[in-house]
Amino acid sequence: EDGLLLCVKGAPGRMLELCTRVSREDGTHPLDDEGRRRLLESNRELAGRGLRVLAVADKAVADEREPPAGLTWLGVVGMMDPPAPGVVETIRIFREAGIRTVMLTGDQRLTARAVAGQLGLLGPDAAVCEGREVDRMADAALREEVGRTSVFSRVSPEAKLRIVEACRQRGDVVAMLGDGVNDAAALRKADIGVAMGKRGTDLAKEAADLILEDDRFATIGAAVEQGRIIFDNIRKFVFYLFSCNLAEILVFLGAGLAGQTAPLLPLQILWLNLVTDTFPALALAVEPGDRGVMRQPPRDPREAILSGGMLRSIAIYGALIAAVTIAAFALGGTT
């Protein structure tokens, strides 16, 4: 009734810069250096437990346009945002699969370190890089930093974009997971942008390549596993078909060079293609996959399906099948 009350919330470190008084049970008092130290210690204690910490302050003002300075510190609020189910296990699976998980968060360094420790992303001596440090780094230095750092705190949208660009410049294939407006640029820049389907903003969904309908981090792991299985199955049936068809060609070529008659009639060739090619190839295409598919290192994305090693194996297997077939035909002819 006697005026306007300005209420402010924000990061504890930034809020302390705006506060000149502190509220206690017996009233408000000037905020000295010792008081600031105690307040920062409270922030560190809460953040060290993995809580997201917000400071709250207020000030009586005469004009609503008055800047937020000379505030009175009221206290801090620690909010628990526990990791979603399956995140820790998925990060472990990714590590075995040769996939590195990097956490970009707006939380302060202490909270980021505590949460990353709970997720198994950070060792006791590992460093956490802050967004303002990223802003000061040159591109070359940032490329080195993203290669050894797995946790970035107080990250701005611009810093997220630079981190994604630095990873791509190192030759990494980057999948960016985000849900907010401030993630849109990084989602667009990444090789694969993944947005949350339930709590994601419309802008994040538009910028992304994939949308998680269930918002579960573990779904990304399942998608990676299924993608590896599909690729392996494609290589399996391509290898099988090429080996069998190469063997048929070598059988006719070998018989012709030996001066023998054609080992197979046209109808027999059609029958072989129907029975030995179609159904086994279909079976290979729908195999459930190897159990250790997520313990294999990532393949080179530039590698062709018919790699050099695969072509050599096709030639060897095709020659073995042709040799056995010609030997059986020659033995049958002599007997």
Protein backbone atom coordinates (compact mmCIF):
# COMPACT_ATOMS: atom_id res chain seq x y z
CA GLU A 1 0.00 0.00 0.00
CA ASP A 2 2.90 2.35 0.63
CA GLY A 3 4.61 1.83 -2.77
CA LEU A 4 6.10 -0.72 -5.14
CA LEU A 5 8.10 -3.81 -4.17
CA LEU A 6 10.71 -5.06 -6.62
CA CYS A 7 11.31 -8.82 -6.31
CA VAL A 8 14.30 -10.41 -8.04
CA LYS A 9 15.58 -13.98 -8.38
CA GLY A 10 18.73 -15.22 -10.09
CA ALA A 11 22.14 -16.84 -9.79
CA PRO A 12 23.59 -16.34 -6.28
CA GLY A 13 26.89 -14.89 -7.50
CA ARG A 14 25.19 -12.36 -9.74
CA MET A 15 22.59 -11.49 -7.10
CA LEU A 16 25.27 -10.74 -4.50
CA GLU A 17 26.63 -8.06 -6.83
CA LEU A 18 23.22 -6.35 -6.70
CA CYS A 19 22.64 -6.68 -2.94
CA THR A 20 23.81 -4.22 -0.29
CA ARG A 21 21.72 -5.50 2.65
CA VAL A 22 20.68 -8.86 4.04
CA SER A 23 17.44 -9.82 5.77
CA ARG A 24 17.67 -11.66 9.10
CA GLU A 25 15.27 -12.58 11.87
CA ASP A 26 15.92 -9.28 13.66
CA GLY A 27 15.56 -7.10 10.55
CA THR A 28 17.78 -6.01 7.69
CA HIS A 29 21.50 -5.32 8.07
CA PRO A 30 24.28 -4.02 5.83
CA LEU A 31 25.95 -6.77 3.80
CA ASP A 32 29.69 -6.80 4.49
CA ASP A 33 32.45 -9.02 3.08
CA GLU A 34 32.07 -11.59 5.86
CA GLY A 35 28.33 -11.80 5.19
CA ARG A 36 28.94 -12.27 1.48
CA ARG A 37 31.39 -15.05 2.24
CA ARG A 38 28.84 -16.87 4.42
CA LEU A 39 26.14 -16.53 1.77
CA LEU A 40 28.44 -17.92 -0.93
CA GLU A 41 29.31 -20.79 1.39
CA SER A 42 25.59 -21.61 1.71
CA ASN A 43 25.34 -21.58 -2.07
CA ARG A 44 28.35 -23.92 -2.38
CA GLU A 45 26.88 -26.30 0.20
CA LEU A 46 23.58 -26.60 -1.67
CA ALA A 47 25.15 -26.74 -5.14
CA GLY A 48 27.61 -29.40 -3.97
CA ARG A 49 24.61 -31.65 -3.28
CA GLY A 50 23.49 -31.31 -6.89
CA LEU A 51 20.76 -28.76 -6.19
CA ARG A 52 19.92 -25.94 -8.55
CA VAL A 53 20.29 -22.79 -6.47
CA LEU A 54 18.42 -19.50 -6.91
CA ALA A 55 18.88 -16.41 -4.74
CA VAL A 56 15.91 -14.19 -3.88
CA ALA A 57 16.04 -10.48 -3.06
CA ASP A 58 13.71 -7.47 -2.96
CA LYS A 59 13.67 -3.70 -2.69
CA ALA A 60 11.06 -1.02 -2.13
CA VAL A 61 11.08 1.34 -5.13
CA ALA A 62 9.33 4.55 -5.99
CA ASP A 63 9.35 3.96 -9.74
CA GLU A 64 8.90 0.66 -11.58
CA ARG A 65 11.66 1.70 -13.99
CA GLU A 66 14.23 1.90 -11.21
CA PRO A 67 17.18 -0.47 -11.90
CA PRO A 68 17.63 -3.59 -9.69
CA ALA A 69 20.49 -2.33 -7.50
CA GLY A 70 20.83 -1.94 -3.74
CA LEU A 71 18.68 -5.01 -3.14
CA THR A 72 18.08 -6.78 0.17
CA TRP A 73 19.17 -10.42 0.19
CA LEU A 74 16.32 -12.66 1.42
CA GLY A 75 17.78 -16.14 0.99
CA VAL A 76 18.48 -18.99 -1.40
CA VAL A 77 16.32 -21.81 -2.73
CA GLY A 78 17.79 -25.22 -3.59
CA MET A 79 15.76 -27.27 -6.08
CA MET A 80 16.31 -30.96 -6.78
CA ASP A 81 16.18 -32.04 -10.42
CA PRO A 82 17.27 -35.70 -10.26
CA PRO A 83 18.53 -37.53 -13.37
CA ALA A 84 15.75 -39.25 -15.29
CA PRO A 85 15.53 -43.06 -15.05
CA GLY A 86 17.91 -44.87 -17.37
CA VAL A 87 20.27 -41.94 -17.99
CA VAL A 88 23.19 -43.35 -15.99
CA GLU A 89 22.89 -46.76 -17.65
CA THR A 90 22.61 -45.21 -21.12
CA ILE A 91 25.74 -43.10 -20.58
CA ARG A 92 27.61 -46.26 -19.52
CA ILE A 93 26.41 -48.08 -22.66
CA PHE A 94 27.47 -45.14 -24.80
CA ARG A 95 30.93 -45.22 -23.24
CA GLU A 96 31.30 -48.91 -24.12
CA ALA A 97 30.12 -48.14 -27.65
CA GLY A 98 32.76 -45.45 -28.12
CA ILE A 99 30.25 -42.60 -27.90
CA ARG A 100 31.22 -39.66 -25.67
CA THR A 101 28.50 -37.84 -23.73
CA VAL A 102 29.02 -34.11 -23.11
CA MET A 103 26.78 -32.15 -20.73
CA LEU A 104 25.94 -28.51 -21.54
CA THR A 105 24.01 -26.86 -18.74
CA GLY A 106 22.99 -23.43 -17.54
CA ASP A 107 23.63 -24.43 -13.93
CA GLN A 108 26.58 -23.06 -12.02
CA ARG A 109 29.89 -24.93 -11.90
CA LEU A 110 29.33 -26.59 -8.50
CA THR A 111 25.88 -27.91 -9.43
CA ALA A 112 27.13 -29.10 -12.80
CA ARG A 113 30.01 -30.96 -11.17
CA ALA A 114 27.74 -32.64 -8.64
CA VAL A 115 25.17 -33.73 -11.25
CA ALA A 116 27.87 -34.91 -13.64
CA GLY A 117 29.37 -36.97 -10.83
CA GLN A 118 26.01 -38.63 -10.22
CA LEU A 119 25.77 -39.44 -13.93
CA GLY A 120 29.27 -40.90 -14.10
CA LEU A 121 30.42 -38.22 -16.53
CA LEU A 122 33.07 -36.66 -14.36
CA GLY A 123 35.98 -38.02 -12.38
CA PRO A 124 37.12 -36.46 -9.09
CA ASP A 125 39.92 -34.46 -10.75
CA ALA A 126 38.21 -33.62 -14.04
CA ALA A 127 37.60 -29.97 -14.89
CA VAL A 128 34.33 -28.18 -15.58
CA CYS A 129 34.50 -25.41 -18.17
CA GLU A 130 32.24 -22.36 -17.79
CA GLY A 131 30.48 -20.62 -20.63
CA ARG A 132 32.36 -17.35 -20.09
CA GLU A 133 35.62 -19.27 -20.51
CA VAL A 134 34.30 -20.62 -23.80
CA ASP A 135 33.46 -17.06 -24.89
CA ARG A 136 37.08 -15.99 -24.33
CA MET A 137 38.65 -18.96 -26.16
CA ALA A 138 39.90 -18.82 -29.72
CA ASP A 139 38.56 -21.45 -32.10
CA ALA A 140 41.75 -23.55 -31.98
CA ALA A 141 41.80 -23.54 -28.17
CA LEU A 142 38.14 -24.47 -28.03
CA ARG A 143 38.72 -27.46 -30.31
CA GLU A 144 41.30 -28.74 -27.83
CA GLU A 145 39.01 -28.02 -24.89
CA VAL A 146 36.02 -29.95 -26.24
CA GLY A 147 38.28 -32.93 -26.81
CA ARG A 148 39.09 -33.28 -23.11
CA THR A 149 36.13 -31.68 -21.29
CA SER A 150 32.79 -33.43 -20.80
CA VAL A 151 30.93 -30.84 -18.69
CA PHE A 152 30.25 -27.18 -19.52
CA SER A 153 28.37 -24.96 -17.07
CA ARG A 154 26.64 -21.57 -17.39
CA VAL A 155 26.52 -22.11 -21.15
CA SER A 156 24.88 -19.45 -23.31
CA PRO A 157 23.18 -20.25 -26.65
CA GLU A 158 26.20 -18.77 -28.45
CA ALA A 159 28.60 -20.97 -26.47
CA LYS A 160 26.52 -24.07 -27.25
CA LEU A 161 26.76 -23.27 -30.94
CA ARG A 162 30.53 -22.79 -30.76
CA ILE A 163 30.98 -26.05 -28.85
CA VAL A 164 29.02 -27.98 -31.48
CA GLU A 165 31.03 -26.34 -34.27
CA ALA A 166 34.31 -27.14 -32.50
CA CYS A 167 33.35 -30.81 -32.14
CA ARG A 168 32.48 -31.04 -35.83
CA GLN A 169 35.75 -29.37 -36.79
CA ARG A 170 37.56 -32.10 -34.85
CA GLY A 171 35.87 -34.67 -37.11
CA ASP A 172 33.29 -35.83 -34.56
CA VAL A 173 29.75 -36.76 -35.56
CA VAL A 174 27.64 -34.65 -33.21
CA ALA A 175 24.13 -35.42 -31.96
CA MET A 176 22.70 -32.49 -29.99
CA LEU A 177 19.82 -33.05 -27.55
CA GLY A 178 17.79 -30.02 -26.48
CA ASP A 179 14.32 -28.75 -25.69
CA GLY A 180 14.47 -24.96 -25.36
CA VAL A 181 14.54 -21.94 -27.62
CA ASN A 182 18.17 -21.37 -26.66
CA ASP A 183 19.06 -24.82 -28.07
CA ALA A 184 17.64 -24.20 -31.54
CA ALA A 185 20.84 -22.88 -33.17
CA ALA A 186 22.95 -25.75 -31.83
CA LEU A 187 20.29 -28.29 -32.84
CA ARG A 188 20.37 -26.95 -36.39
CA LYS A 189 24.19 -26.93 -36.53
CA ALA A 190 24.67 -30.48 -35.23
CA ASP A 191 24.88 -33.46 -37.56
CA ILE A 192 21.77 -34.82 -35.85
CA GLY A 193 19.54 -32.50 -33.85
CA VAL A 194 17.30 -34.31 -31.35
CA ALA A 195 14.43 -32.44 -29.68
CA MET A 196 12.13 -33.43 -26.83
CA GLY A 197 8.64 -34.21 -28.09
CA LYS A 198 6.71 -33.54 -24.87
CA ARG A 199 8.42 -30.63 -23.14
CA GLY A 200 10.32 -29.30 -26.15
CA THR A 201 9.45 -25.91 -27.60
CA ASP A 202 8.08 -25.58 -31.12
CA LEU A 203 11.25 -23.82 -32.25
CA ALA A 204 13.44 -26.66 -30.96
CA LYS A 205 11.28 -29.22 -32.76
CA GLU A 206 11.46 -27.29 -36.02
CA ALA A 207 15.24 -27.01 -35.79
CA ALA A 208 15.77 -30.70 -34.97
CA ASP A 209 16.15 -33.68 -37.29
CA LEU A 210 14.57 -36.15 -34.84
CA ILE A 211 11.97 -35.75 -32.11
CA LEU A 212 11.79 -38.03 -29.08
CA GLU A 213 8.12 -38.74 -28.45
CA ASP A 214 8.77 -40.09 -24.94
CA ASP A 215 11.49 -37.56 -23.90
CA ARG A 216 13.64 -40.46 -22.62
CA PHE A 217 17.41 -40.29 -23.01
CA ALA A 218 17.49 -44.08 -23.14
CA THR A 219 15.51 -43.93 -26.40
CA ILE A 220 18.57 -42.43 -28.08
CA GLY A 221 20.59 -45.45 -26.97
CA ALA A 222 17.95 -47.81 -28.35
CA ALA A 223 17.97 -45.90 -31.65
CA VAL A 224 21.76 -46.11 -31.93
CA GLU A 225 21.65 -49.85 -31.22
CA GLN A 226 18.91 -50.42 -33.79
CA GLY A 227 20.78 -48.37 -36.37
CA ARG A 228 23.92 -50.46 -35.86
CA ILE A 229 21.92 -53.68 -36.18
CA ILE A 230 20.28 -52.50 -39.42
CA PHE A 231 23.63 -51.52 -40.92
CA ASP A 232 25.23 -54.84 -39.90
CA ASN A 233 22.31 -56.79 -41.38
CA ILE A 234 22.58 -54.88 -44.66
CA ARG A 235 26.25 -55.78 -44.85
CA LYS A 236 25.49 -59.40 -44.02
CA PHE A 237 22.98 -59.99 -46.80
CA VAL A 238 24.98 -57.93 -49.30
CA PHE A 239 28.02 -60.05 -48.48
CA TYR A 240 25.99 -63.24 -48.83
CA LEU A 241 24.38 -62.27 -52.15
CA PHE A 242 27.61 -61.03 -53.71
CA SER A 243 29.49 -64.19 -52.64
CA CYS A 244 26.84 -66.51 -54.10
CA ASN A 245 26.48 -64.61 -57.37
CA LEU A 246 30.24 -64.28 -57.80
CA ALA A 247 30.51 -68.04 -57.26
CA GLU A 248 28.00 -68.66 -60.07
CA ILE A 249 30.02 -66.48 -62.44
CA LEU A 250 33.28 -68.20 -61.49
CA VAL A 251 31.71 -71.63 -61.98
CA PHE A 252 30.84 -70.85 -65.59
CA LEU A 253 34.14 -69.05 -66.17
CA GLY A 254 36.16 -71.93 -64.71
CA ALA A 255 34.24 -74.56 -66.64
CA GLY A 256 34.69 -72.62 -69.88
CA LEU A 257 38.44 -72.22 -69.34
CA ALA A 258 38.70 -75.94 -68.60
CA GLY A 259 36.84 -76.79 -71.79
CA GLN A 260 33.94 -78.39 -69.95
CA THR A 261 30.27 -78.05 -70.67
CA ALA A 262 28.13 -75.58 -68.71
CA PRO A 263 27.75 -76.92 -65.18
CA LEU A 264 24.29 -75.40 -64.69
CA LEU A 265 21.23 -75.08 -66.89
CA PRO A 266 19.34 -71.73 -67.00
CA LEU A 267 16.46 -73.25 -65.06
CA GLN A 268 18.87 -74.47 -62.39
CA ILE A 269 20.36 -70.99 -62.06
CA LEU A 270 16.88 -69.52 -61.56
CA TRP A 271 16.10 -72.18 -58.97
CA LEU A 272 19.35 -71.49 -57.11
CA ASN A 273 18.68 -67.74 -57.11
CA LEU A 274 15.19 -68.35 -55.75
CA VAL A 275 16.08 -70.86 -53.04
CA THR A 276 19.63 -69.99 -51.96
CA ASP A 277 19.52 -66.20 -52.43
CA THR A 278 16.07 -64.88 -51.59
CA PHE A 279 15.07 -66.60 -48.35
CA PRO A 280 18.50 -66.68 -46.62
CA ALA A 281 19.03 -63.01 -47.54
CA LEU A 282 15.64 -62.09 -46.06
CA ALA A 283 16.50 -64.03 -42.92
CA LEU A 284 19.80 -62.16 -42.58
CA ALA A 285 18.03 -58.83 -43.08
CA VAL A 286 15.72 -59.31 -40.07
CA GLU A 287 18.24 -60.81 -37.64
CA PRO A 288 17.97 -59.40 -34.09
CA GLY A 289 21.65 -58.46 -34.13
CA ASP A 290 24.73 -59.48 -32.18
CA ARG A 291 24.71 -59.10 -28.40
CA GLY A 292 27.93 -57.13 -28.47
CA VAL A 293 26.84 -54.62 -31.07
CA MET A 294 26.97 -51.78 -28.50
CA ARG A 295 30.46 -52.78 -27.40
CA GLN A 296 31.93 -52.18 -30.84
CA PRO A 297 33.67 -48.90 -31.71
CA PRO A 298 31.85 -46.54 -34.08
CA ARG A 299 32.50 -47.10 -37.77
CA ASP A 300 33.95 -44.43 -40.02
CA PRO A 301 30.92 -42.58 -41.48
CA ARG A 302 32.82 -42.24 -44.76
CA GLU A 303 33.31 -45.99 -45.03
CA ALA A 304 31.35 -47.60 -47.86
CA ILE A 305 29.17 -50.66 -47.35
CA LEU A 306 31.47 -52.56 -49.73
CA SER A 307 34.75 -51.78 -48.02
CA GLY A 308 38.11 -53.12 -49.15
CA GLY A 309 38.14 -55.87 -46.53
CA MET A 310 34.60 -56.90 -47.40
CA LEU A 311 35.42 -57.10 -51.13
CA ARG A 312 38.41 -59.34 -50.36
CA SER A 313 36.23 -61.61 -48.23
CA ILE A 314 33.59 -61.77 -51.00
CA ALA A 315 36.29 -62.80 -53.48
CA ILE A 316 37.64 -65.50 -51.16
CA TYR A 317 34.24 -66.97 -50.30
CA GLY A 318 33.06 -66.78 -53.91
CA ALA A 319 36.19 -68.58 -55.09
CA LEU A 320 35.79 -71.29 -52.43
CA ILE A 321 32.14 -71.91 -53.38
CA ALA A 322 33.06 -72.00 -57.08
CA ALA A 323 35.97 -74.35 -56.48
CA VAL A 324 33.82 -76.82 -54.53
CA THR A 325 31.08 -76.64 -57.18
CA ILE A 326 33.50 -77.24 -60.09
CA ALA A 327 35.17 -80.09 -58.18
CA ALA A 328 31.79 -81.71 -57.53
CA PHE A 329 30.82 -81.28 -61.21
CA ALA A 330 34.13 -82.76 -62.39
CA LEU A 331 33.84 -85.67 -59.95
CA GLY A 332 30.29 -86.34 -61.03
CA GLY A 333 31.33 -86.26 -64.68
CA THR A 334 34.12 -88.81 -64.19
CA THR A 335 31.94 -91.20 -62.28
